[in-house]
Amino acid sequence: MSAHPEYLTSEQVAELIGVHVITLSVWRKERRGPVFSSPGDARLVRYLRSDVDKWMAEGRKNLVPDGLRSMRLRAQGGLKERVEEEVARHG
């Protein structure tokens, strides 16, 4: 007998990843954030725990806020040069 997948509510996901429930709602509208299901009723939103875990693992490298990233680059020196290198590297 196979185990049923673990489904989480928006509240549970928000607590798990450390954002407000409204942030999750905005992300859903912008097609960002973890994959979700809304079976039959847009008000009923559920997330598979495995999808949330995968999203967190994939996004881990991008979790540094832009302001903090700028501060780190400034501390490393040559902010303008580093930004130009990044732009050239990523198009």
PDB file of N, CA and C in Angstrom:
ATOM      1  N   MET A   1       0.837  -1.172   0.000  1.00  0.00           N
ATOM      2  CA  MET A   1       0.000   0.000   0.000  1.00  0.00           C
ATOM      3  C   MET A   1       0.891   1.247   0.000  1.00  0.00           C
ATOM      4  N   SER A   2       0.640   2.182  -0.925  1.00  0.00           N
ATOM      5  CA  SER A   2       1.482   3.374  -1.001  1.00  0.00           C
ATOM      6  C   SER A   2       0.964   4.466  -0.063  1.00  0.00           C
ATOM      7  N   ALA A   3       1.887   5.243   0.436  1.00  0.00           N
ATOM      8  CA  ALA A   3       1.531   6.338   1.342  1.00  0.00           C
ATOM      9  C   ALA A   3       0.948   7.487   0.535  1.00  0.00           C
ATOM     10  N   HIS A   4      -0.006   8.174   1.112  1.00  0.00           N
ATOM     11  CA  HIS A   4      -0.600   9.337   0.461  1.00  0.00           C
ATOM     12  C   HIS A   4       0.382  10.500   0.529  1.00  0.00           C
ATOM     13  N   PRO A   5       0.414  11.332  -0.526  1.00  0.00           N
ATOM     14  CA  PRO A   5       1.306  12.492  -0.480  1.00  0.00           C
ATOM     15  C   PRO A   5       0.846  13.480   0.590  1.00  0.00           C
ATOM     16  N   GLU A   6       1.803  14.207   1.139  1.00  0.00           N
ATOM     17  CA  GLU A   6       1.493  15.187   2.177  1.00  0.00           C
ATOM     18  C   GLU A   6       1.137  16.521   1.528  1.00  0.00           C
ATOM     19  N   TYR A   7      -0.085  16.974   1.764  1.00  0.00           N
ATOM     20  CA  TYR A   7      -0.535  18.261   1.257  1.00  0.00           C
ATOM     21  C   TYR A   7      -0.488  19.288   2.381  1.00  0.00           C
ATOM     22  N   LEU A   8      -0.081  20.512   2.037  1.00  0.00           N
ATOM     23  CA  LEU A   8       0.015  21.598   3.011  1.00  0.00           C
ATOM     24  C   LEU A   8      -0.912  22.736   2.610  1.00  0.00           C
ATOM     25  N   THR A   9      -1.412  23.444   3.603  1.00  0.00           N
ATOM     26  CA  THR A   9      -2.206  24.642   3.353  1.00  0.00           C
ATOM     27  C   THR A   9      -1.277  25.826   3.094  1.00  0.00           C
ATOM     28  N   SER A  10      -1.847  26.915   2.634  1.00  0.00           N
ATOM     29  CA  SER A  10      -1.060  28.140   2.433  1.00  0.00           C
ATOM     30  C   SER A  10      -0.429  28.594   3.738  1.00  0.00           C
ATOM     31  N   GLU A  11      -1.169  28.483   4.817  1.00  0.00           N
ATOM     32  CA  GLU A  11      -0.658  28.898   6.122  1.00  0.00           C
ATOM     33  C   GLU A  11       0.547  28.063   6.525  1.00  0.00           C
ATOM     34  N   GLN A  12       0.465  26.759   6.290  1.00  0.00           N
ATOM     35  CA  GLN A  12       1.574  25.879   6.642  1.00  0.00           C
ATOM     36  C   GLN A  12       2.815  26.175   5.797  1.00  0.00           C
ATOM     37  N   VAL A  13       2.616  26.410   4.501  1.00  0.00           N
ATOM     38  CA  VAL A  13       3.740  26.715   3.617  1.00  0.00           C
ATOM     39  C   VAL A  13       4.361  28.056   3.996  1.00  0.00           C
ATOM     40  N   ALA A  14       3.514  29.042   4.262  1.00  0.00           N
ATOM     41  CA  ALA A  14       4.021  30.363   4.651  1.00  0.00           C
ATOM     42  C   ALA A  14       4.907  30.256   5.888  1.00  0.00           C
ATOM     43  N   GLU A  15       4.454  29.508   6.861  1.00  0.00           N
ATOM     44  CA  GLU A  15       5.249  29.326   8.085  1.00  0.00           C
ATOM     45  C   GLU A  15       6.536  28.565   7.789  1.00  0.00           C
ATOM     46  N   LEU A  16       6.436  27.550   6.967  1.00  0.00           N
ATOM     47  CA  LEU A  16       7.589  26.711   6.644  1.00  0.00           C
ATOM     48  C   LEU A  16       8.693  27.499   5.939  1.00  0.00           C
ATOM     49  N   ILE A  17       8.311  28.375   4.998  1.00  0.00           N
ATOM     50  CA  ILE A  17       9.334  29.086   4.225  1.00  0.00           C
ATOM     51  C   ILE A  17       9.580  30.502   4.733  1.00  0.00           C
ATOM     52  N   GLY A  18       8.812  30.935   5.727  1.00  0.00           N
ATOM     53  CA  GLY A  18       9.071  32.212   6.375  1.00  0.00           C
ATOM     54  C   GLY A  18       8.565  33.435   5.631  1.00  0.00           C
ATOM     55  N   VAL A  19       7.416  33.298   4.976  1.00  0.00           N
ATOM     56  CA  VAL A  19       6.792  34.454   4.331  1.00  0.00           C
ATOM     57  C   VAL A  19       5.356  34.580   4.815  1.00  0.00           C
ATOM     58  N   HIS A  20       4.733  35.703   4.503  1.00  0.00           N
ATOM     59  CA  HIS A  20       3.341  35.922   4.876  1.00  0.00           C
ATOM     60  C   HIS A  20       2.432  35.196   3.886  1.00  0.00           C
ATOM     61  N   VAL A  21       1.262  34.803   4.322  1.00  0.00           N
ATOM     62  CA  VAL A  21       0.292  34.120   3.464  1.00  0.00           C
ATOM     63  C   VAL A  21      -0.057  34.992   2.255  1.00  0.00           C
ATOM     64  N   ILE A  22      -0.115  36.282   2.449  1.00  0.00           N
ATOM     65  CA  ILE A  22      -0.425  37.195   1.341  1.00  0.00           C
ATOM     66  C   ILE A  22       0.684  37.135   0.288  1.00  0.00           C
ATOM     67  N   THR A  23       1.922  36.972   0.724  1.00  0.00           N
ATOM     68  CA  THR A  23       3.032  36.837  -0.223  1.00  0.00           C
ATOM     69  C   THR A  23       2.814  35.618  -1.112  1.00  0.00           C
ATOM     70  N   LEU A  24       2.392  34.515  -0.526  1.00  0.00           N
ATOM     71  CA  LEU A  24       2.106  33.318  -1.324  1.00  0.00           C
ATOM     72  C   LEU A  24       1.003  33.593  -2.337  1.00  0.00           C
ATOM     73  N   SER A  25      -0.012  34.314  -1.916  1.00  0.00           N
ATOM     74  CA  SER A  25      -1.116  34.657  -2.819  1.00  0.00           C
ATOM     75  C   SER A  25      -0.620  35.491  -4.000  1.00  0.00           C
ATOM     76  N   VAL A  26       0.205  36.474  -3.703  1.00  0.00           N
ATOM     77  CA  VAL A  26       0.780  37.311  -4.764  1.00  0.00           C
ATOM     78  C   VAL A  26       1.631  36.448  -5.697  1.00  0.00           C
ATOM     79  N   TRP A  27       2.463  35.586  -5.129  1.00  0.00           N
ATOM     80  CA  TRP A  27       3.299  34.713  -5.947  1.00  0.00           C
ATOM     81  C   TRP A  27       2.464  33.836  -6.857  1.00  0.00           C
ATOM     82  N   ARG A  28       1.340  33.317  -6.343  1.00  0.00           N
ATOM     83  CA  ARG A  28       0.478  32.477  -7.192  1.00  0.00           C
ATOM     84  C   ARG A  28      -0.026  33.272  -8.384  1.00  0.00           C
ATOM     85  N   LYS A  29      -0.450  34.494  -8.156  1.00  0.00           N
ATOM     86  CA  LYS A  29      -0.958  35.342  -9.242  1.00  0.00           C
ATOM     87  C   LYS A  29       0.139  35.681 -10.240  1.00  0.00           C
ATOM     88  N   GLU A  30       1.376  35.797  -9.765  1.00  0.00           N
ATOM     89  CA  GLU A  30       2.519  36.124 -10.627  1.00  0.00           C
ATOM     90  C   GLU A  30       3.184  34.874 -11.200  1.00  0.00           C
ATOM     91  N   ARG A  31       2.625  33.701 -10.903  1.00  0.00           N
ATOM     92  CA  ARG A  31       3.189  32.419 -11.337  1.00  0.00           C
ATOM     93  C   ARG A  31       4.611  32.220 -10.818  1.00  0.00           C
ATOM     94  N   ARG A  32       4.807  32.577  -9.557  1.00  0.00           N
ATOM     95  CA  ARG A  32       6.087  32.391  -8.872  1.00  0.00           C
ATOM     96  C   ARG A  32       5.846  31.475  -7.682  1.00  0.00           C
ATOM     97  N   GLY A  33       6.914  31.120  -7.006  1.00  0.00           N
ATOM     98  CA  GLY A  33       6.783  30.321  -5.786  1.00  0.00           C
ATOM     99  C   GLY A  33       6.577  28.855  -6.078  1.00  0.00           C
ATOM    100  N   PRO A  34       6.285  28.102  -5.025  1.00  0.00           N
ATOM    101  CA  PRO A  34       6.112  26.656  -5.183  1.00  0.00           C
ATOM    102  C   PRO A  34       4.876  26.319  -6.018  1.00  0.00           C
ATOM    103  N   VAL A  35       4.930  25.177  -6.678  1.00  0.00           N
ATOM    104  CA  VAL A  35       3.790  24.664  -7.433  1.00  0.00           C
ATOM    105  C   VAL A  35       2.645  24.414  -6.457  1.00  0.00           C
ATOM    106  N   PHE A  36       1.416  24.744  -6.879  1.00  0.00           N
ATOM    107  CA  PHE A  36       0.252  24.549  -6.019  1.00  0.00           C
ATOM    108  C   PHE A  36      -0.889  23.931  -6.806  1.00  0.00           C
ATOM    109  N   SER A  37      -1.869  23.433  -6.083  1.00  0.00           N
ATOM    110  CA  SER A  37      -3.092  22.899  -6.679  1.00  0.00           C
ATOM    111  C   SER A  37      -4.277  23.655  -6.127  1.00  0.00           C
ATOM    112  N   SER A  38      -5.271  23.817  -6.984  1.00  0.00           N
ATOM    113  CA  SER A  38      -6.503  24.466  -6.564  1.00  0.00           C
ATOM    114  C   SER A  38      -7.659  23.666  -7.150  1.00  0.00           C
ATOM    115  N   PRO A  39      -7.943  22.515  -6.552  1.00  0.00           N
ATOM    116  CA  PRO A  39      -8.923  21.588  -7.131  1.00  0.00           C
ATOM    117  C   PRO A  39     -10.356  22.109  -7.056  1.00  0.00           C
ATOM    118  N   GLY A  40     -10.865  22.597  -8.184  1.00  0.00           N
ATOM    119  CA  GLY A  40     -12.267  22.984  -8.284  1.00  0.00           C
ATOM    120  C   GLY A  40     -12.628  24.335  -7.707  1.00  0.00           C
ATOM    121  N   ASP A  41     -11.901  24.833  -6.767  1.00  0.00           N
ATOM    122  CA  ASP A  41     -12.259  26.079  -6.092  1.00  0.00           C
ATOM    123  C   ASP A  41     -10.992  26.890  -5.857  1.00  0.00           C
ATOM    124  N   ALA A  42     -10.934  28.087  -6.426  1.00  0.00           N
ATOM    125  CA  ALA A  42      -9.724  28.911  -6.318  1.00  0.00           C
ATOM    126  C   ALA A  42      -9.388  29.246  -4.871  1.00  0.00           C
ATOM    127  N   ARG A  43     -10.368  29.159  -3.986  1.00  0.00           N
ATOM    128  CA  ARG A  43     -10.096  29.460  -2.573  1.00  0.00           C
ATOM    129  C   ARG A  43      -9.442  28.298  -1.847  1.00  0.00           C
ATOM    130  N   LEU A  44      -9.546  27.112  -2.421  1.00  0.00           N
ATOM    131  CA  LEU A  44      -8.948  25.927  -1.814  1.00  0.00           C
ATOM    132  C   LEU A  44      -7.593  25.679  -2.480  1.00  0.00           C
ATOM    133  N   VAL A  45      -6.539  26.074  -1.811  1.00  0.00           N
ATOM    134  CA  VAL A  45      -5.192  25.958  -2.356  1.00  0.00           C
ATOM    135  C   VAL A  45      -4.406  24.981  -1.490  1.00  0.00           C
ATOM    136  N   ARG A  46      -3.719  24.063  -2.160  1.00  0.00           N
ATOM    137  CA  ARG A  46      -2.886  23.096  -1.453  1.00  0.00           C
ATOM    138  C   ARG A  46      -1.541  22.971  -2.161  1.00  0.00           C
ATOM    139  N   TYR A  47      -0.530  22.645  -1.380  1.00  0.00           N
ATOM    140  CA  TYR A  47       0.820  22.459  -1.882  1.00  0.00           C
ATOM    141  C   TYR A  47       1.275  21.067  -1.495  1.00  0.00           C
ATOM    142  N   LEU A  48       1.903  20.363  -2.423  1.00  0.00           N
ATOM    143  CA  LEU A  48       2.544  19.103  -2.072  1.00  0.00           C
ATOM    144  C   LEU A  48       3.832  19.418  -1.326  1.00  0.00           C
ATOM    145  N   ARG A  49       4.038  18.763  -0.225  1.00  0.00           N
ATOM    146  CA  ARG A  49       5.247  19.006   0.561  1.00  0.00           C
ATOM    147  C   ARG A  49       6.508  18.788  -0.283  1.00  0.00           C
ATOM    148  N   SER A  50       6.483  17.767  -1.122  1.00  0.00           N
ATOM    149  CA  SER A  50       7.653  17.477  -1.963  1.00  0.00           C
ATOM    150  C   SER A  50       7.911  18.617  -2.954  1.00  0.00           C
ATOM    151  N   ASP A  51       6.861  19.269  -3.468  1.00  0.00           N
ATOM    152  CA  ASP A  51       7.043  20.412  -4.372  1.00  0.00           C
ATOM    153  C   ASP A  51       7.649  21.606  -3.641  1.00  0.00           C
ATOM    154  N   VAL A  52       7.200  21.830  -2.410  1.00  0.00           N
ATOM    155  CA  VAL A  52       7.743  22.941  -1.611  1.00  0.00           C
ATOM    156  C   VAL A  52       9.214  22.681  -1.302  1.00  0.00           C
ATOM    157  N   ASP A  53       9.532  21.464  -0.907  1.00  0.00           N
ATOM    158  CA  ASP A  53      10.927  21.113  -0.613  1.00  0.00           C
ATOM    159  C   ASP A  53      11.801  21.291  -1.850  1.00  0.00           C
ATOM    160  N   LYS A  54      11.308  20.859  -3.012  1.00  0.00           N
ATOM    161  CA  LYS A  54      12.059  20.985  -4.254  1.00  0.00           C
ATOM    162  C   LYS A  54      12.257  22.461  -4.599  1.00  0.00           C
ATOM    163  N   TRP A  55      11.213  23.261  -4.470  1.00  0.00           N
ATOM    164  CA  TRP A  55      11.304  24.695  -4.757  1.00  0.00           C
ATOM    165  C   TRP A  55      12.329  25.367  -3.859  1.00  0.00           C
ATOM    166  N   MET A  56      12.315  25.002  -2.578  1.00  0.00           N
ATOM    167  CA  MET A  56      13.281  25.575  -1.635  1.00  0.00           C
ATOM    168  C   MET A  56      14.705  25.188  -2.021  1.00  0.00           C
ATOM    169  N   ALA A  57      14.913  23.934  -2.377  1.00  0.00           N
ATOM    170  CA  ALA A  57      16.249  23.470  -2.739  1.00  0.00           C
ATOM    171  C   ALA A  57      16.740  24.154  -4.013  1.00  0.00           C
ATOM    172  N   GLU A  58      15.870  24.319  -4.992  1.00  0.00           N
ATOM    173  CA  GLU A  58      16.254  24.960  -6.250  1.00  0.00           C
ATOM    174  C   GLU A  58      16.498  26.454  -6.077  1.00  0.00           C
ATOM    175  N   GLY A  59      15.760  27.089  -5.185  1.00  0.00           N
ATOM    176  CA  GLY A  59      15.867  28.525  -5.026  1.00  0.00           C
ATOM    177  C   GLY A  59      16.866  28.974  -3.994  1.00  0.00           C
ATOM    178  N   ARG A  60      17.482  28.052  -3.305  1.00  0.00           N
ATOM    179  CA  ARG A  60      18.379  28.381  -2.198  1.00  0.00           C
ATOM    180  C   ARG A  60      19.461  29.362  -2.613  1.00  0.00           C
ATOM    181  N   LYS A  61      20.000  29.221  -3.814  1.00  0.00           N
ATOM    182  CA  LYS A  61      21.083  30.100  -4.251  1.00  0.00           C
ATOM    183  C   LYS A  61      20.615  31.525  -4.514  1.00  0.00           C
ATOM    184  N   ASN A  62      19.312  31.755  -4.641  1.00  0.00           N
ATOM    185  CA  ASN A  62      18.784  33.077  -4.970  1.00  0.00           C
ATOM    186  C   ASN A  62      18.104  33.762  -3.792  1.00  0.00           C
ATOM    187  N   LEU A  63      18.330  33.288  -2.583  1.00  0.00           N
ATOM    188  CA  LEU A  63      17.599  33.820  -1.445  1.00  0.00           C
ATOM    189  C   LEU A  63      18.226  35.066  -0.824  1.00  0.00           C
ATOM    190  N   VAL A  64      19.391  35.510  -1.322  1.00  0.00           N
ATOM    191  CA  VAL A  64      20.022  36.706  -0.768  1.00  0.00           C
ATOM    192  C   VAL A  64      19.308  37.925  -1.339  1.00  0.00           C
ATOM    193  N   PRO A  65      18.733  38.789  -0.507  1.00  0.00           N
ATOM    194  CA  PRO A  65      18.046  39.975  -1.015  1.00  0.00           C
ATOM    195  C   PRO A  65      19.005  40.875  -1.786  1.00  0.00           C
ATOM    196  N   ASP A  66      18.486  41.592  -2.786  1.00  0.00           N
ATOM    197  CA  ASP A  66      19.329  42.437  -3.636  1.00  0.00           C
ATOM    198  C   ASP A  66      20.149  43.435  -2.834  1.00  0.00           C
ATOM    199  N   GLY A  67      19.571  44.048  -1.817  1.00  0.00           N
ATOM    200  CA  GLY A  67      20.310  45.018  -1.011  1.00  0.00           C
ATOM    201  C   GLY A  67      21.499  44.387  -0.329  1.00  0.00           C
ATOM    202  N   LEU A  68      21.321  43.197   0.208  1.00  0.00           N
ATOM    203  CA  LEU A  68      22.416  42.492   0.874  1.00  0.00           C
ATOM    204  C   LEU A  68      23.472  42.082  -0.141  1.00  0.00           C
ATOM    205  N   ARG A  69      23.025  41.664  -1.328  1.00  0.00           N
ATOM    206  CA  ARG A  69      23.962  41.293  -2.381  1.00  0.00           C
ATOM    207  C   ARG A  69      24.832  42.491  -2.753  1.00  0.00           C
ATOM    208  N   SER A  70      24.231  43.685  -2.863  1.00  0.00           N
ATOM    209  CA  SER A  70      24.988  44.899  -3.180  1.00  0.00           C
ATOM    210  C   SER A  70      26.002  45.207  -2.095  1.00  0.00           C
ATOM    211  N   MET A  71      25.596  45.044  -0.828  1.00  0.00           N
ATOM    212  CA  MET A  71      26.505  45.311   0.276  1.00  0.00           C
ATOM    213  C   MET A  71      27.694  44.356   0.222  1.00  0.00           C
ATOM    214  N   ARG A  72      27.433  43.093  -0.090  1.00  0.00           N
ATOM    215  CA  ARG A  72      28.521  42.119  -0.181  1.00  0.00           C
ATOM    216  C   ARG A  72      29.480  42.481  -1.301  1.00  0.00           C
ATOM    217  N   LEU A  73      28.924  42.872  -2.455  1.00  0.00           N
ATOM    218  CA  LEU A  73      29.780  43.246  -3.576  1.00  0.00           C
ATOM    219  C   LEU A  73      30.622  44.467  -3.246  1.00  0.00           C
ATOM    220  N   ARG A  74      30.003  45.459  -2.582  1.00  0.00           N
ATOM    221  CA  ARG A  74      30.752  46.654  -2.197  1.00  0.00           C
ATOM    222  C   ARG A  74      31.881  46.290  -1.245  1.00  0.00           C
ATOM    223  N   ALA A  75      31.602  45.388  -0.317  1.00  0.00           N
ATOM    224  CA  ALA A  75      32.620  44.967   0.646  1.00  0.00           C
ATOM    225  C   ALA A  75      33.770  44.256  -0.065  1.00  0.00           C
ATOM    226  N   GLN A  76      33.449  43.579  -1.167  1.00  0.00           N
ATOM    227  CA  GLN A  76      34.481  42.886  -1.932  1.00  0.00           C
ATOM    228  C   GLN A  76      35.236  43.852  -2.841  1.00  0.00           C
ATOM    229  N   GLY A  77      34.726  45.063  -3.002  1.00  0.00           N
ATOM    230  CA  GLY A  77      35.377  46.069  -3.849  1.00  0.00           C
ATOM    231  C   GLY A  77      35.014  45.904  -5.308  1.00  0.00           C
ATOM    232  N   GLY A  78      35.093  47.025  -6.030  1.00  0.00           N
ATOM    233  CA  GLY A  78      34.854  46.977  -7.472  1.00  0.00           C
ATOM    234  C   GLY A  78      33.423  46.653  -7.835  1.00  0.00           C
ATOM    235  N   LEU A  79      32.455  47.284  -7.181  1.00  0.00           N
ATOM    236  CA  LEU A  79      31.044  46.977  -7.442  1.00  0.00           C
ATOM    237  C   LEU A  79      30.700  47.161  -8.910  1.00  0.00           C
ATOM    238  N   LYS A  80      31.078  48.276  -9.493  1.00  0.00           N
ATOM    239  CA  LYS A  80      30.736  48.542 -10.884  1.00  0.00           C
ATOM    240  C   LYS A  80      31.300  47.462 -11.799  1.00  0.00           C
ATOM    241  N   GLU A  81      32.554  47.108 -11.581  1.00  0.00           N
ATOM    242  CA  GLU A  81      33.193  46.090 -12.402  1.00  0.00           C
ATOM    243  C   GLU A  81      32.512  44.735 -12.235  1.00  0.00           C
ATOM    244  N   ARG A  82      32.177  44.403 -11.001  1.00  0.00           N
ATOM    245  CA  ARG A  82      31.508  43.119 -10.735  1.00  0.00           C
ATOM    246  C   ARG A  82      30.139  43.063 -11.392  1.00  0.00           C
ATOM    247  N   VAL A  83      29.391  44.166 -11.326  1.00  0.00           N
ATOM    248  CA  VAL A  83      28.068  44.210 -11.946  1.00  0.00           C
ATOM    249  C   VAL A  83      28.212  44.055 -13.453  1.00  0.00           C
ATOM    250  N   GLU A  84      29.170  44.756 -14.047  1.00  0.00           N
ATOM    251  CA  GLU A  84      29.393  44.649 -15.487  1.00  0.00           C
ATOM    252  C   GLU A  84      29.763  43.216 -15.879  1.00  0.00           C
ATOM    253  N   GLU A  85      30.587  42.565 -15.059  1.00  0.00           N
ATOM    254  CA  GLU A  85      30.938  41.163 -15.324  1.00  0.00           C
ATOM    255  C   GLU A  85      29.704  40.271 -15.276  1.00  0.00           C
ATOM    256  N   GLU A  86      28.868  40.476 -14.261  1.00  0.00           N
ATOM    257  CA  GLU A  86      27.650  39.678 -14.115  1.00  0.00           C
ATOM    258  C   GLU A  86      26.710  39.887 -15.296  1.00  0.00           C
ATOM    259  N   VAL A  87      26.538  41.136 -15.703  1.00  0.00           N
ATOM    260  CA  VAL A  87      25.660  41.435 -16.845  1.00  0.00           C
ATOM    261  C   VAL A  87      26.203  40.777 -18.100  1.00  0.00           C
ATOM    262  N   ALA A  88      27.511  40.883 -18.324  1.00  0.00           N
ATOM    263  CA  ALA A  88      28.117  40.263 -19.507  1.00  0.00           C
ATOM    264  C   ALA A  88      27.973  38.743 -19.487  1.00  0.00           C
ATOM    265  N   ARG A  89      28.128  38.160 -18.304  1.00  0.00           N
ATOM    266  CA  ARG A  89      28.053  36.710 -18.177  1.00  0.00           C
ATOM    267  C   ARG A  89      26.639  36.189 -18.402  1.00  0.00           C
ATOM    268  N   HIS A  90      25.632  36.929 -17.915  1.00  0.00           N
ATOM    269  CA  HIS A  90      24.245  36.457 -17.975  1.00  0.00           C
ATOM    270  C   HIS A  90      23.440  37.118 -19.070  1.00  0.00           C
ATOM    271  N   GLY A  91      24.057  37.962 -19.836  1.00  0.00           N
ATOM    272  CA  GLY A  91      23.380  38.602 -20.962  1.00  0.00           C
ATOM    273  C   GLY A  91      22.582  39.706 -20.535  1.00  0.00           C
TER     274      GLY A  91
END
